[in-house]
């Protein structure tokens, strides 16, 4: 029984090596957040896909803008 616990996957101690691909994982995360947020806020769910894509686009643009501003600040300092 002891060997079963030794072979178990421990996500916080042995994470999956996704260091090179983490930026691509932001897009599904942003889209998921936008869909859930709009599903809660909208009265008519017929507009959900368009509204969720619009919100996801806004999130991505503002995240890129914030990253650019922080990059400029760190380069000037």
PDB file of N, CA and C in Angstrom:
ATOM      1  N   UNK A   1       0.819  -1.199   0.000  1.00  0.00           N
ATOM      2  CA  UNK A   1       0.000   0.000   0.000  1.00  0.00           C
ATOM      3  C   UNK A   1       0.868   1.271   0.000  1.00  0.00           C
ATOM      4  N   UNK A   2       2.013   1.180   0.600  1.00  0.00           N
ATOM      5  CA  UNK A   2       2.902   2.339   0.688  1.00  0.00           C
ATOM      6  C   UNK A   2       3.372   2.795  -0.699  1.00  0.00           C
ATOM      7  N   UNK A   3       3.618   1.869  -1.617  1.00  0.00           N
ATOM      8  CA  UNK A   3       4.102   2.230  -2.947  1.00  0.00           C
ATOM      9  C   UNK A   3       3.041   2.968  -3.756  1.00  0.00           C
ATOM     10  N   UNK A   4       1.751   2.758  -3.436  1.00  0.00           N
ATOM     11  CA  UNK A   4       0.690   3.473  -4.136  1.00  0.00           C
ATOM     12  C   UNK A   4       0.755   4.967  -3.834  1.00  0.00           C
ATOM     13  N   UNK A   5       1.043   5.333  -2.600  1.00  0.00           N
ATOM     14  CA  UNK A   5       1.130   6.753  -2.261  1.00  0.00           C
ATOM     15  C   UNK A   5       2.409   7.379  -2.805  1.00  0.00           C
ATOM     16  N   UNK A   6       3.435   6.584  -2.992  1.00  0.00           N
ATOM     17  CA  UNK A   6       4.673   7.120  -3.535  1.00  0.00           C
ATOM     18  C   UNK A   6       4.553   7.397  -5.029  1.00  0.00           C
ATOM     19  N   UNK A   7       3.682   6.688  -5.724  1.00  0.00           N
ATOM     20  CA  UNK A   7       3.501   6.887  -7.150  1.00  0.00           C
ATOM     21  C   UNK A   7       2.400   7.885  -7.468  1.00  0.00           C
ATOM     22  N   UNK A   8       1.751   8.407  -6.460  1.00  0.00           N
ATOM     23  CA  UNK A   8       0.639   9.327  -6.681  1.00  0.00           C
ATOM     24  C   UNK A   8       1.150  10.661  -7.230  1.00  0.00           C
ATOM     25  N   UNK A   9       0.313  11.280  -8.039  1.00  0.00           N
ATOM     26  CA  UNK A   9       0.654  12.582  -8.606  1.00  0.00           C
ATOM     27  C   UNK A   9       0.413  13.650  -7.558  1.00  0.00           C
ATOM     28  N   UNK A  10       1.408  14.458  -7.288  1.00  0.00           N
ATOM     29  CA  UNK A  10       1.315  15.522  -6.307  1.00  0.00           C
ATOM     30  C   UNK A  10       1.431  16.856  -7.043  1.00  0.00           C
ATOM     31  N   UNK A  11       0.287  17.498  -7.369  1.00  0.00           N
ATOM     32  CA  UNK A  11       0.342  18.663  -8.257  1.00  0.00           C
ATOM     33  C   UNK A  11       1.128  19.845  -7.711  1.00  0.00           C
ATOM     34  N   UNK A  12       1.136  20.073  -6.423  1.00  0.00           N
ATOM     35  CA  UNK A  12       1.861  21.229  -5.894  1.00  0.00           C
ATOM     36  C   UNK A  12       3.333  20.921  -5.650  1.00  0.00           C
ATOM     37  N   UNK A  13       3.658  19.664  -5.486  1.00  0.00           N
ATOM     38  CA  UNK A  13       5.057  19.296  -5.277  1.00  0.00           C
ATOM     39  C   UNK A  13       5.757  18.935  -6.589  1.00  0.00           C
ATOM     40  N   UNK A  14       5.020  18.325  -7.523  1.00  0.00           N
ATOM     41  CA  UNK A  14       5.558  17.939  -8.826  1.00  0.00           C
ATOM     42  C   UNK A  14       4.670  18.506  -9.930  1.00  0.00           C
ATOM     43  N   UNK A  15       4.720  19.799 -10.190  1.00  0.00           N
ATOM     44  CA  UNK A  15       3.829  20.374 -11.207  1.00  0.00           C
ATOM     45  C   UNK A  15       4.209  19.924 -12.610  1.00  0.00           C
ATOM     46  N   UNK A  16       3.245  20.007 -13.516  1.00  0.00           N
ATOM     47  CA  UNK A  16       3.497  19.689 -14.917  1.00  0.00           C
ATOM     48  C   UNK A  16       4.387  20.786 -15.497  1.00  0.00           C
ATOM     49  N   UNK A  17       5.447  20.424 -16.205  1.00  0.00           N
ATOM     50  CA  UNK A  17       6.364  21.445 -16.739  1.00  0.00           C
ATOM     51  C   UNK A  17       5.765  22.188 -17.933  1.00  0.00           C
ATOM     52  N   UNK A  18       5.069  23.264 -17.676  1.00  0.00           N
ATOM     53  CA  UNK A  18       4.459  24.081 -18.723  1.00  0.00           C
ATOM     54  C   UNK A  18       5.079  25.469 -18.771  1.00  0.00           C
ATOM     55  N   UNK A  19       6.327  25.568 -18.412  1.00  0.00           N
ATOM     56  CA  UNK A  19       6.988  26.870 -18.345  1.00  0.00           C
ATOM     57  C   UNK A  19       7.042  27.573 -19.696  1.00  0.00           C
ATOM     58  N   UNK A  20       7.173  26.819 -20.765  1.00  0.00           N
ATOM     59  CA  UNK A  20       7.310  27.426 -22.083  1.00  0.00           C
ATOM     60  C   UNK A  20       5.964  27.788 -22.698  1.00  0.00           C
ATOM     61  N   UNK A  21       4.859  27.245 -22.168  1.00  0.00           N
ATOM     62  CA  UNK A  21       3.561  27.408 -22.806  1.00  0.00           C
ATOM     63  C   UNK A  21       2.552  28.170 -21.956  1.00  0.00           C
ATOM     64  N   UNK A  22       2.963  28.776 -20.855  1.00  0.00           N
ATOM     65  CA  UNK A  22       2.003  29.385 -19.938  1.00  0.00           C
ATOM     66  C   UNK A  22       1.264  30.560 -20.582  1.00  0.00           C
ATOM     67  N   UNK A  23       1.893  31.248 -21.504  1.00  0.00           N
ATOM     68  CA  UNK A  23       1.237  32.391 -22.133  1.00  0.00           C
ATOM     69  C   UNK A  23       0.046  31.961 -22.991  1.00  0.00           C
ATOM     70  N   UNK A  24       0.161  30.809 -23.644  1.00  0.00           N
ATOM     71  CA  UNK A  24      -0.947  30.300 -24.453  1.00  0.00           C
ATOM     72  C   UNK A  24      -2.110  29.822 -23.591  1.00  0.00           C
ATOM     73  N   UNK A  25      -1.838  29.468 -22.349  1.00  0.00           N
ATOM     74  CA  UNK A  25      -2.901  29.016 -21.446  1.00  0.00           C
ATOM     75  C   UNK A  25      -3.713  30.182 -20.891  1.00  0.00           C
ATOM     76  N   UNK A  26      -3.239  31.412 -21.080  1.00  0.00           N
ATOM     77  CA  UNK A  26      -4.001  32.571 -20.623  1.00  0.00           C
ATOM     78  C   UNK A  26      -5.269  32.786 -21.444  1.00  0.00           C
ATOM     79  N   UNK A  27      -5.226  32.455 -22.725  1.00  0.00           N
ATOM     80  CA  UNK A  27      -6.397  32.671 -23.579  1.00  0.00           C
ATOM     81  C   UNK A  27      -7.599  31.817 -23.165  1.00  0.00           C
ATOM     82  N   UNK A  28      -7.457  30.505 -22.932  1.00  0.00           N
ATOM     83  CA  UNK A  28      -8.621  29.757 -22.442  1.00  0.00           C
ATOM     84  C   UNK A  28      -9.081  30.216 -21.067  1.00  0.00           C
ATOM     85  N   UNK A  29      -8.136  30.629 -20.226  1.00  0.00           N
ATOM     86  CA  UNK A  29      -8.511  31.121 -18.905  1.00  0.00           C
ATOM     87  C   UNK A  29      -9.327  32.402 -19.011  1.00  0.00           C
ATOM     88  N   UNK A  30      -8.897  33.324 -19.846  1.00  0.00           N
ATOM     89  CA  UNK A  30      -9.625  34.587 -20.039  1.00  0.00           C
ATOM     90  C   UNK A  30     -11.002  34.318 -20.630  1.00  0.00           C
ATOM     91  N   UNK A  31     -11.069  33.435 -21.612  1.00  0.00           N
ATOM     92  CA  UNK A  31     -12.352  33.110 -22.223  1.00  0.00           C
ATOM     93  C   UNK A  31     -13.300  32.461 -21.212  1.00  0.00           C
ATOM     94  N   UNK A  32     -12.787  31.580 -20.373  1.00  0.00           N
ATOM     95  CA  UNK A  32     -13.618  30.954 -19.346  1.00  0.00           C
ATOM     96  C   UNK A  32     -14.139  31.958 -18.337  1.00  0.00           C
ATOM     97  N   UNK A  33     -13.290  32.870 -17.920  1.00  0.00           N
ATOM     98  CA  UNK A  33     -13.713  33.906 -16.977  1.00  0.00           C
ATOM     99  C   UNK A  33     -14.771  34.798 -17.605  1.00  0.00           C
ATOM    100  N   UNK A  34     -14.590  35.158 -18.867  1.00  0.00           N
ATOM    101  CA  UNK A  34     -15.550  36.024 -19.544  1.00  0.00           C
ATOM    102  C   UNK A  34     -16.897  35.337 -19.711  1.00  0.00           C
ATOM    103  N   UNK A  35     -16.900  34.058 -20.068  1.00  0.00           N
ATOM    104  CA  UNK A  35     -18.165  33.331 -20.247  1.00  0.00           C
ATOM    105  C   UNK A  35     -18.908  33.211 -18.930  1.00  0.00           C
ATOM    106  N   UNK A  36     -18.201  32.860 -17.865  1.00  0.00           N
ATOM    107  CA  UNK A  36     -18.859  32.712 -16.563  1.00  0.00           C
ATOM    108  C   UNK A  36     -19.384  34.058 -16.071  1.00  0.00           C
ATOM    109  N   UNK A  37     -18.593  35.102 -16.202  1.00  0.00           N
ATOM    110  CA  UNK A  37     -19.025  36.425 -15.743  1.00  0.00           C
ATOM    111  C   UNK A  37     -20.253  36.893 -16.509  1.00  0.00           C
ATOM    112  N   UNK A  38     -20.219  36.751 -17.825  1.00  0.00           N
ATOM    113  CA  UNK A  38     -21.356  37.214 -18.627  1.00  0.00           C
ATOM    114  C   UNK A  38     -22.582  36.329 -18.426  1.00  0.00           C
ATOM    115  N   UNK A  39     -22.392  35.045 -18.169  1.00  0.00           N
ATOM    116  CA  UNK A  39     -23.529  34.164 -17.912  1.00  0.00           C
ATOM    117  C   UNK A  39     -24.251  34.569 -16.635  1.00  0.00           C
ATOM    118  N   UNK A  40     -23.502  35.095 -15.677  1.00  0.00           N
ATOM    119  CA  UNK A  40     -24.120  35.543 -14.427  1.00  0.00           C
ATOM    120  C   UNK A  40     -24.791  36.898 -14.614  1.00  0.00           C
ATOM    121  N   UNK A  41     -24.183  37.789 -15.377  1.00  0.00           N
ATOM    122  CA  UNK A  41     -24.656  39.163 -15.478  1.00  0.00           C
ATOM    123  C   UNK A  41     -25.759  39.396 -16.510  1.00  0.00           C
ATOM    124  N   UNK A  42     -25.791  38.631 -17.594  1.00  0.00           N
ATOM    125  CA  UNK A  42     -26.748  38.894 -18.664  1.00  0.00           C
ATOM    126  C   UNK A  42     -28.142  38.358 -18.324  1.00  0.00           C
ATOM    127  N   UNK A  43     -29.157  39.116 -18.726  1.00  0.00           N
ATOM    128  CA  UNK A  43     -30.532  38.644 -18.576  1.00  0.00           C
ATOM    129  C   UNK A  43     -30.924  37.735 -19.733  1.00  0.00           C
ATOM    130  N   UNK A  44     -30.482  38.063 -20.937  1.00  0.00           N
ATOM    131  CA  UNK A  44     -30.796  37.289 -22.139  1.00  0.00           C
ATOM    132  C   UNK A  44     -29.533  36.558 -22.590  1.00  0.00           C
ATOM    133  N   UNK A  45     -29.526  35.233 -22.478  1.00  0.00           N
ATOM    134  CA  UNK A  45     -28.321  34.467 -22.811  1.00  0.00           C
ATOM    135  C   UNK A  45     -28.134  34.278 -24.311  1.00  0.00           C
ATOM    136  N   UNK A  46     -29.036  34.820 -25.134  1.00  0.00           N
ATOM    137  CA  UNK A  46     -28.816  34.762 -26.580  1.00  0.00           C
ATOM    138  C   UNK A  46     -27.616  35.600 -26.987  1.00  0.00           C
ATOM    139  N   UNK A  47     -27.296  36.603 -26.213  1.00  0.00           N
ATOM    140  CA  UNK A  47     -26.156  37.483 -26.510  1.00  0.00           C
ATOM    141  C   UNK A  47     -24.867  37.023 -25.839  1.00  0.00           C
ATOM    142  N   UNK A  48     -24.886  35.868 -25.179  1.00  0.00           N
ATOM    143  CA  UNK A  48     -23.723  35.414 -24.413  1.00  0.00           C
ATOM    144  C   UNK A  48     -22.459  35.252 -25.251  1.00  0.00           C
ATOM    145  N   UNK A  49     -22.482  34.571 -26.397  1.00  0.00           N
ATOM    146  CA  UNK A  49     -21.212  34.412 -27.136  1.00  0.00           C
ATOM    147  C   UNK A  49     -20.581  35.737 -27.564  1.00  0.00           C
ATOM    148  N   UNK A  50     -21.396  36.640 -28.093  1.00  0.00           N
ATOM    149  CA  UNK A  50     -20.861  37.924 -28.555  1.00  0.00           C
ATOM    150  C   UNK A  50     -20.342  38.752 -27.384  1.00  0.00           C
ATOM    151  N   UNK A  51     -21.105  38.809 -26.318  1.00  0.00           N
ATOM    152  CA  UNK A  51     -20.696  39.588 -25.143  1.00  0.00           C
ATOM    153  C   UNK A  51     -19.454  38.982 -24.476  1.00  0.00           C
ATOM    154  N   UNK A  52     -19.384  37.648 -24.402  1.00  0.00           N
ATOM    155  CA  UNK A  52     -18.228  36.997 -23.781  1.00  0.00           C
ATOM    156  C   UNK A  52     -16.960  37.209 -24.610  1.00  0.00           C
ATOM    157  N   UNK A  53     -17.082  37.132 -25.930  1.00  0.00           N
ATOM    158  CA  UNK A  53     -15.913  37.398 -26.779  1.00  0.00           C
ATOM    159  C   UNK A  53     -15.462  38.845 -26.675  1.00  0.00           C
ATOM    160  N   UNK A  54     -16.414  39.760 -26.595  1.00  0.00           N
ATOM    161  CA  UNK A  54     -16.071  41.176 -26.439  1.00  0.00           C
ATOM    162  C   UNK A  54     -15.339  41.407 -25.117  1.00  0.00           C
ATOM    163  N   UNK A  55     -15.848  40.819 -24.032  1.00  0.00           N
ATOM    164  CA  UNK A  55     -15.200  40.974 -22.732  1.00  0.00           C
ATOM    165  C   UNK A  55     -13.828  40.309 -22.721  1.00  0.00           C
ATOM    166  N   UNK A  56     -13.700  39.135 -23.328  1.00  0.00           N
ATOM    167  CA  UNK A  56     -12.401  38.463 -23.391  1.00  0.00           C
ATOM    168  C   UNK A  56     -11.395  39.309 -24.162  1.00  0.00           C
ATOM    169  N   UNK A  57     -11.846  39.925 -25.249  1.00  0.00           N
ATOM    170  CA  UNK A  57     -10.961  40.812 -26.000  1.00  0.00           C
ATOM    171  C   UNK A  57     -10.514  42.006 -25.181  1.00  0.00           C
ATOM    172  N   UNK A  58     -11.446  42.571 -24.433  1.00  0.00           N
ATOM    173  CA  UNK A  58     -11.088  43.704 -23.577  1.00  0.00           C
ATOM    174  C   UNK A  58     -10.078  43.291 -22.510  1.00  0.00           C
ATOM    175  N   UNK A  59     -10.279  42.128 -21.917  1.00  0.00           N
ATOM    176  CA  UNK A  59      -9.354  41.655 -20.881  1.00  0.00           C
ATOM    177  C   UNK A  59      -7.960  41.470 -21.465  1.00  0.00           C
ATOM    178  N   UNK A  60      -7.875  40.853 -22.642  1.00  0.00           N
ATOM    179  CA  UNK A  60      -6.571  40.618 -23.270  1.00  0.00           C
ATOM    180  C   UNK A  60      -5.890  41.936 -23.620  1.00  0.00           C
ATOM    181  N   UNK A  61      -6.651  42.887 -24.167  1.00  0.00           N
ATOM    182  CA  UNK A  61      -6.064  44.185 -24.532  1.00  0.00           C
ATOM    183  C   UNK A  61      -5.564  44.922 -23.300  1.00  0.00           C
ATOM    184  N   UNK A  62      -6.349  44.950 -22.240  1.00  0.00           N
ATOM    185  CA  UNK A  62      -5.911  45.667 -21.046  1.00  0.00           C
ATOM    186  C   UNK A  62      -4.772  44.957 -20.329  1.00  0.00           C
ATOM    187  N   UNK A  63      -4.720  43.630 -20.396  1.00  0.00           N
ATOM    188  CA  UNK A  63      -3.577  42.917 -19.822  1.00  0.00           C
ATOM    189  C   UNK A  63      -2.302  43.241 -20.608  1.00  0.00           C
ATOM    190  N   UNK A  64      -2.408  43.305 -21.934  1.00  0.00           N
ATOM    191  CA  UNK A  64      -1.243  43.653 -22.758  1.00  0.00           C
ATOM    192  C   UNK A  64      -0.813  45.091 -22.495  1.00  0.00           C
ATOM    193  N   UNK A  65      -1.793  45.981 -22.346  1.00  0.00           N
ATOM    194  CA  UNK A  65      -1.483  47.380 -22.041  1.00  0.00           C
ATOM    195  C   UNK A  65      -0.790  47.508 -20.685  1.00  0.00           C
ATOM    196  N   UNK A  66      -1.290  46.795 -19.691  1.00  0.00           N
ATOM    197  CA  UNK A  66      -0.663  46.826 -18.367  1.00  0.00           C
ATOM    198  C   UNK A  66       0.751  46.248 -18.414  1.00  0.00           C
ATOM    199  N   UNK A  67       0.938  45.170 -19.180  1.00  0.00           N
ATOM    200  CA  UNK A  67       2.275  44.584 -19.312  1.00  0.00           C
ATOM    201  C   UNK A  67       3.231  45.551 -19.992  1.00  0.00           C
ATOM    202  N   UNK A  68       2.750  46.259 -21.015  1.00  0.00           N
ATOM    203  CA  UNK A  68       3.605  47.228 -21.704  1.00  0.00           C
ATOM    204  C   UNK A  68       3.976  48.381 -20.790  1.00  0.00           C
ATOM    205  N   UNK A  69       3.026  48.868 -20.019  1.00  0.00           N
ATOM    206  CA  UNK A  69       3.308  49.968 -19.088  1.00  0.00           C
ATOM    207  C   UNK A  69       4.303  49.526 -18.024  1.00  0.00           C
ATOM    208  N   UNK A  70       4.122  48.332 -17.488  1.00  0.00           N
ATOM    209  CA  UNK A  70       5.067  47.839 -16.481  1.00  0.00           C
ATOM    210  C   UNK A  70       6.447  47.607 -17.070  1.00  0.00           C
ATOM    211  N   UNK A  71       6.500  47.160 -18.322  1.00  0.00           N
ATOM    212  CA  UNK A  71       7.793  46.975 -18.969  1.00  0.00           C
ATOM    213  C   UNK A  71       8.509  48.309 -19.144  1.00  0.00           C
ATOM    214  N   UNK A  72       7.774  49.330 -19.558  1.00  0.00           N
ATOM    215  CA  UNK A  72       8.366  50.667 -19.719  1.00  0.00           C
ATOM    216  C   UNK A  72       8.850  51.203 -18.382  1.00  0.00           C
ATOM    217  N   UNK A  73       8.074  50.997 -17.341  1.00  0.00           N
ATOM    218  CA  UNK A  73       8.476  51.471 -16.012  1.00  0.00           C
ATOM    219  C   UNK A  73       9.756  50.782 -15.558  1.00  0.00           C
ATOM    220  N   UNK A  74       9.857  49.469 -15.794  1.00  0.00           N
ATOM    221  CA  UNK A  74      11.063  48.754 -15.347  1.00  0.00           C
ATOM    222  C   UNK A  74      12.273  49.115 -16.198  1.00  0.00           C
ATOM    223  N   UNK A  75      12.064  49.463 -17.459  1.00  0.00           N
ATOM    224  CA  UNK A  75      13.186  49.848 -18.304  1.00  0.00           C
ATOM    225  C   UNK A  75      13.698  51.242 -17.968  1.00  0.00           C
ATOM    226  N   UNK A  76      12.825  52.123 -17.529  1.00  0.00           N
ATOM    227  CA  UNK A  76      13.244  53.470 -17.175  1.00  0.00           C
ATOM    228  C   UNK A  76      13.889  53.559 -15.801  1.00  0.00           C
ATOM    229  N   UNK A  77      13.564  52.637 -14.937  1.00  0.00           N
ATOM    230  CA  UNK A  77      14.101  52.687 -13.563  1.00  0.00           C
ATOM    231  C   UNK A  77      15.491  52.133 -13.450  1.00  0.00           C
TER     232      UNK A  77
END
